[in-house]
Amino acid sequence: MRKLKTILYKVIFGTDTITGKIFDIFLLITIIFSVIVFMLESIESVNLKYGNLLHISEWIITIIFTLEYILRIFILRKPLKYVTSFFGIIDLLSVLPTYISILISGTHFLVIVRAFRLLRIFRILNLSLYEDAGKSILLALKASKSKISVFLYTIIVIVVVIGTLMFYVEGHENGFTSIPRSIYWAIVTLTTVGYGDISPQTEIGQLIASLIMILGYAIIAVPTGIVSAEMVNVNKKDKESITCSNCGDTKHEVNAVFCKTCGFKTINN
C-alpha cells in the first residue's frame, strides 16, 4: 500500500517527473474541456442538438475529478490540510454541483467554479521562477493600499454628490428617477463607460456631464500612477539588496537575515 501511494504521489504531485507532467497536462486539458462544455450548454441551439452528448461529457468529467479528489486525499499523510486548502475547496466545489443538481434543480451553474482550477497552470508550468516578480507586485499593492483607499473614498464622495445633483437637475422625466440611479449614471460617466441607458437632457445636466467626462480621464490615471510609483520603489529596494559576505550572492531581499544560497547568517544593513 505504501509503495502504491509513493507511485501515485509521484504521478499526481510530481511536477518534475515525466508521469507527473503528463498527468498535469491531462488534468489541465480536462479542466478546459469542462469549462467549454459548460459554456456550450448555455447556447440553446447547441444544447438542443447535442444536449445528450454534453450531459454525458459532463458526467465523465465529474467522475474524473471525483477520482482525482479521492486519490489526493488517499495519498497524503495529512489529507485535512489539502481538504481545507484553497485548491482542495475548489476541487470539491468543482464536483459537487453535478451531484447536487440530481436532487436540487438550478444548481448546475455552480460548475463554472471549475474555471478556478485553471490556476493549477501555475504549478504545472512551474511559474515559481517568476515568484520574485509576483512578490514585487504584491508589495507595491500593499504599499499603495492607504493611497488607493483615500482615492476610492474621494471617488465615492464625488459620485454621490454628482448623482444627487443630477437627480435634482434632470428629474424623473429624464430618467433620473432616484438618487441611487443617478449615482449609477455618475459612476458610468466618470469611468468613461457610457452605456447610454440614461443621459441628461437639460443644458445644465449636459454641462455637468461634460465636466465629469473630462474629470474621468484624469481620475483613471491616478491609481495606475500610484501603483507604478510603488513598483519603482520596490525595484529600487531590490537593487539595494544585501550581499552575502560568505558566498557573494547578491540576490537577497533588503530584510534578509540568512543567505538563501549557502545559509550563512547575513547582517542586514
Protein backbone atom coordinates (compact mmCIF):
# COMPACT_ATOMS: atom_id res chain seq x y z
CA MET A 1 0.00 0.00 0.00
CA ARG A 2 2.85 2.35 0.86
CA LYS A 3 4.53 1.62 -2.47
CA LEU A 4 1.27 2.33 -4.31
CA LYS A 5 0.92 5.64 -2.51
CA THR A 6 4.51 6.56 -3.43
CA ILE A 7 3.86 5.83 -7.11
CA LEU A 8 0.59 7.75 -7.12
CA TYR A 9 2.20 10.65 -5.28
CA LYS A 10 4.87 10.96 -7.99
CA VAL A 11 2.17 10.94 -10.67
CA ILE A 12 -0.26 13.40 -9.05
CA PHE A 13 2.11 15.73 -7.19
CA GLY A 14 5.39 15.17 -9.06
CA THR A 15 5.72 18.21 -11.31
CA ASP A 16 9.36 17.33 -12.06
CA THR A 17 8.64 13.77 -13.26
CA ILE A 18 7.51 12.80 -16.77
CA THR A 19 4.41 10.99 -15.47
CA GLY A 20 3.62 13.96 -13.23
CA LYS A 21 3.82 16.40 -16.13
CA ILE A 22 1.64 14.14 -18.31
CA PHE A 23 -0.94 13.91 -15.53
CA ASP A 24 -0.92 17.70 -15.01
CA ILE A 25 -1.31 18.38 -18.74
CA PHE A 26 -4.15 15.84 -18.95
CA LEU A 27 -5.81 17.48 -15.95
CA LEU A 28 -5.45 20.95 -17.44
CA ILE A 29 -6.94 19.81 -20.77
CA THR A 30 -9.84 18.18 -18.89
CA ILE A 31 -10.47 21.37 -16.93
CA ILE A 32 -10.51 23.47 -20.12
CA PHE A 33 -12.80 20.93 -21.81
CA SER A 34 -15.19 21.00 -18.82
CA VAL A 35 -15.43 24.80 -19.00
CA ILE A 36 -16.10 24.62 -22.76
CA VAL A 37 -18.84 22.01 -22.20
CA PHE A 38 -20.44 24.23 -19.58
CA MET A 39 -20.42 27.22 -21.94
CA LEU A 40 -21.83 25.20 -24.86
CA GLU A 41 -24.73 24.09 -22.67
CA SER A 42 -25.76 27.74 -22.37
CA ILE A 43 -26.21 28.01 -26.17
CA GLU A 44 -29.80 26.94 -26.80
CA SER A 45 -29.30 25.71 -30.38
CA VAL A 46 -26.24 23.63 -29.42
CA ASN A 47 -27.92 22.28 -26.30
CA LEU A 48 -30.99 21.16 -28.25
CA LYS A 49 -28.87 19.33 -30.82
CA TYR A 50 -26.07 17.92 -28.65
CA GLY A 51 -27.67 18.05 -25.18
CA ASN A 52 -27.30 14.31 -24.51
CA LEU A 53 -23.65 14.28 -25.59
CA LEU A 54 -22.86 17.33 -23.44
CA HIS A 55 -24.65 15.74 -20.46
CA ILE A 56 -22.66 12.51 -20.83
CA SER A 57 -19.43 14.51 -21.17
CA GLU A 58 -20.32 16.42 -18.02
CA TRP A 59 -20.69 13.22 -16.03
CA ILE A 60 -17.46 11.73 -17.39
CA ILE A 61 -15.59 14.89 -16.38
CA THR A 62 -17.23 14.86 -12.94
CA ILE A 63 -16.20 11.23 -12.37
CA ILE A 64 -12.60 12.02 -13.40
CA PHE A 65 -12.44 14.96 -10.99
CA THR A 66 -14.07 12.91 -8.23
CA LEU A 67 -11.50 10.12 -8.59
CA GLU A 68 -8.69 12.68 -8.62
CA TYR A 69 -10.03 14.31 -5.45
CA ILE A 70 -10.34 10.94 -3.66
CA LEU A 71 -6.82 9.91 -4.74
CA ARG A 72 -5.33 13.14 -3.41
CA ILE A 73 -6.94 12.51 -0.02
CA PHE A 74 -5.85 8.84 -0.10
CA ILE A 75 -2.20 9.65 -0.88
CA LEU A 76 -1.50 12.48 1.54
CA ARG A 77 -0.42 11.85 5.12
CA LYS A 78 -2.37 14.91 6.26
CA PRO A 79 -5.41 14.94 3.97
CA LEU A 80 -7.22 17.53 6.11
CA LYS A 81 -4.60 20.10 5.18
CA TYR A 82 -5.39 19.56 1.49
CA VAL A 83 -9.17 19.44 2.02
CA THR A 84 -9.15 22.82 3.80
CA SER A 85 -6.67 24.43 1.39
CA PHE A 86 -7.70 26.77 -1.46
CA PHE A 87 -7.25 24.15 -4.19
CA GLY A 88 -8.84 21.48 -2.01
CA ILE A 89 -12.00 23.55 -1.62
CA ILE A 90 -12.04 24.40 -5.34
CA ASP A 91 -11.58 20.71 -6.25
CA LEU A 92 -14.52 19.77 -4.04
CA LEU A 93 -16.75 22.56 -5.35
CA SER A 94 -15.96 21.54 -8.92
CA VAL A 95 -17.63 18.13 -8.48
CA LEU A 96 -20.44 18.86 -6.01
CA PRO A 97 -22.75 20.85 -8.36
CA THR A 98 -23.27 17.91 -10.72
CA TYR A 99 -24.27 15.63 -7.86
CA ILE A 100 -26.40 18.29 -6.15
CA SER A 101 -28.23 19.01 -9.43
CA ILE A 102 -29.73 15.50 -9.22
CA LEU A 103 -31.54 16.45 -6.01
CA ILE A 104 -31.91 20.23 -6.44
CA SER A 105 -32.57 21.76 -9.84
CA GLY A 106 -30.99 25.07 -10.77
CA THR A 107 -27.63 24.45 -9.08
CA HIS A 108 -25.80 23.19 -12.17
CA PHE A 109 -24.50 26.70 -12.92
CA LEU A 110 -22.08 26.31 -10.00
CA VAL A 111 -20.00 24.03 -12.25
CA ILE A 112 -18.33 27.21 -13.51
CA VAL A 113 -16.27 27.04 -10.30
CA ARG A 114 -14.12 24.60 -12.27
CA ALA A 115 -12.65 27.57 -14.09
CA PHE A 116 -10.71 28.34 -10.90
CA ARG A 117 -8.92 25.02 -11.34
CA LEU A 118 -7.15 26.62 -14.29
CA LEU A 119 -4.99 28.29 -11.63
CA ARG A 120 -3.17 24.97 -11.45
CA ILE A 121 -1.34 26.08 -14.58
CA PHE A 122 0.99 27.99 -12.24
CA ARG A 123 2.06 24.69 -10.70
CA ILE A 124 2.15 22.81 -13.99
CA LEU A 125 4.36 25.36 -15.76
CA ASN A 126 6.49 25.81 -12.65
CA LEU A 127 5.91 29.56 -12.64
CA SER A 128 7.63 29.80 -9.27
CA LEU A 129 10.51 31.11 -11.39
CA TYR A 130 8.50 34.32 -11.53
CA GLU A 131 7.91 34.40 -7.78
CA ASP A 132 10.09 37.49 -7.29
CA ALA A 133 8.04 39.42 -9.86
CA GLY A 134 4.84 38.37 -8.13
CA LYS A 135 6.20 39.49 -4.77
CA SER A 136 7.13 42.88 -6.24
CA ILE A 137 3.56 43.42 -7.44
CA LEU A 138 2.09 42.36 -4.08
CA LEU A 139 4.50 44.62 -2.17
CA ALA A 140 3.63 47.54 -4.45
CA LEU A 141 -0.10 46.99 -3.95
CA LYS A 142 0.37 46.68 -0.19
CA ALA A 143 2.46 49.85 -0.03
CA SER A 144 -0.11 51.82 -2.05
CA LYS A 145 -3.07 50.50 -0.04
CA SER A 146 -3.59 53.67 2.01
CA LYS A 147 -3.28 55.97 -1.01
CA ILE A 148 -5.71 53.91 -3.08
CA SER A 149 -8.13 53.80 -0.13
CA VAL A 150 -8.12 57.61 0.06
CA PHE A 151 -8.56 57.76 -3.72
CA LEU A 152 -11.56 55.39 -3.66
CA TYR A 153 -13.15 57.30 -0.77
CA THR A 154 -12.79 60.54 -2.74
CA ILE A 155 -14.37 58.94 -5.82
CA ILE A 156 -17.30 57.66 -3.74
CA VAL A 157 -17.90 61.15 -2.36
CA ILE A 158 -17.70 62.67 -5.86
CA VAL A 159 -20.22 60.25 -7.44
CA VAL A 160 -22.62 60.63 -4.50
CA VAL A 161 -22.52 64.45 -4.73
CA ILE A 162 -22.80 64.49 -8.54
CA GLY A 163 -25.51 61.82 -8.55
CA THR A 164 -27.58 63.77 -6.03
CA LEU A 165 -27.08 66.98 -8.01
CA MET A 166 -28.14 65.34 -11.27
CA PHE A 167 -31.26 63.92 -9.62
CA TYR A 168 -32.47 67.43 -8.86
CA VAL A 169 -31.23 68.95 -12.14
CA GLU A 170 -32.71 66.33 -14.51
CA GLY A 171 -35.55 64.78 -12.52
CA HIS A 172 -37.87 61.82 -13.18
CA GLU A 173 -38.88 62.91 -16.67
CA ASN A 174 -35.32 62.46 -17.99
CA GLY A 175 -34.70 59.03 -16.46
CA PHE A 176 -33.08 60.11 -13.20
CA THR A 177 -35.82 58.50 -11.14
CA SER A 178 -33.87 58.21 -7.87
CA ILE A 179 -30.60 59.24 -6.26
CA PRO A 180 -29.13 55.69 -6.42
CA ARG A 181 -29.95 55.53 -10.16
CA SER A 182 -28.37 58.96 -10.60
CA ILE A 183 -25.27 57.76 -8.73
CA TYR A 184 -25.15 54.78 -11.10
CA TRP A 185 -25.16 57.24 -14.02
CA ALA A 186 -22.36 59.24 -12.37
CA ILE A 187 -20.21 56.10 -11.96
CA VAL A 188 -20.79 55.02 -15.57
CA THR A 189 -19.96 58.51 -16.85
CA LEU A 190 -16.96 59.08 -14.59
CA THR A 191 -15.37 55.77 -15.66
CA THR A 192 -15.99 56.75 -19.32
CA VAL A 193 -18.00 53.54 -19.89
CA GLY A 194 -21.09 55.36 -21.12
CA TYR A 195 -23.82 52.73 -21.53
CA GLY A 196 -26.25 55.36 -22.78
CA ASP A 197 -29.28 53.94 -20.95
CA ILE A 198 -29.58 57.27 -19.08
CA SER A 199 -28.50 60.61 -20.49
CA PRO A 200 -29.02 64.22 -19.39
CA GLN A 201 -31.43 66.28 -21.49
CA THR A 202 -31.10 69.73 -19.95
CA GLU A 203 -28.29 72.14 -20.79
CA ILE A 204 -27.08 72.30 -17.19
CA GLY A 205 -27.10 68.49 -16.96
CA GLN A 206 -25.12 68.16 -20.18
CA LEU A 207 -22.59 70.70 -18.90
CA ILE A 208 -22.14 68.71 -15.68
CA ALA A 209 -21.84 65.50 -17.71
CA SER A 210 -19.12 67.07 -19.90
CA LEU A 211 -17.15 68.08 -16.83
CA ILE A 212 -17.48 64.58 -15.37
CA MET A 213 -16.22 63.01 -18.62
CA ILE A 214 -13.14 65.22 -18.65
CA LEU A 215 -12.57 64.52 -14.95
CA GLY A 216 -12.90 60.80 -15.65
CA TYR A 217 -9.86 60.73 -17.94
CA ALA A 218 -7.74 62.36 -15.23
CA ILE A 219 -9.05 60.07 -12.48
CA ILE A 220 -8.36 56.84 -14.40
CA ALA A 221 -4.63 57.63 -14.43
CA VAL A 222 -4.39 58.17 -10.65
CA PRO A 223 -4.40 54.54 -9.35
CA THR A 224 -2.08 53.50 -12.19
CA GLY A 225 0.37 56.22 -11.22
CA ILE A 226 0.20 55.29 -7.52
CA VAL A 227 0.95 51.61 -8.14
CA SER A 228 3.62 52.42 -10.75
CA ALA A 229 5.43 54.71 -8.29
CA GLU A 230 5.40 51.99 -5.63
CA MET A 231 6.68 49.46 -8.18
CA VAL A 232 9.64 51.74 -8.84
CA ASN A 233 10.31 51.97 -5.09
CA VAL A 234 10.12 48.18 -4.72
CA ASN A 235 12.50 47.63 -7.64
CA LYS A 236 14.85 50.22 -6.18
CA LYS A 237 14.90 48.38 -2.87
CA ASP A 238 15.59 45.11 -4.69
CA LYS A 239 18.62 46.67 -6.35
CA GLU A 240 19.85 47.74 -2.93
CA SER A 241 19.63 44.15 -1.69
CA ILE A 242 22.42 42.96 0.54
CA THR A 243 25.31 40.74 -0.47
CA CYS A 244 26.30 37.59 1.38
CA SER A 245 29.77 38.02 2.88
CA ASN A 246 30.37 34.27 2.65
CA CYS A 247 29.46 33.29 -0.94
CA GLY A 248 28.95 36.69 -2.54
CA ASP A 249 25.39 36.06 -3.71
CA THR A 250 23.59 39.38 -4.27
CA LYS A 251 20.06 38.06 -4.80
CA HIS A 252 18.79 38.80 -1.31
CA GLU A 253 15.97 40.99 -0.13
CA VAL A 254 16.78 44.02 1.99
CA ASN A 255 15.39 42.42 5.15
CA ALA A 256 17.22 39.10 4.61
CA VAL A 257 18.92 37.56 7.65
CA PHE A 258 20.28 34.32 6.18
CA CYS A 259 21.75 33.70 2.74
CA LYS A 260 19.36 31.63 0.62
CA THR A 261 22.30 30.08 -1.24
CA CYS A 262 24.72 28.97 1.49
CA GLY A 263 22.68 29.57 4.67
CA PHE A 264 25.27 31.94 6.14
CA LYS A 265 23.87 34.49 8.59
CA THR A 266 23.98 37.87 6.91
CA ILE A 267 23.83 41.17 8.78
CA ASN A 268 21.05 43.36 7.42
CA ASN A 269 22.35 46.88 6.98
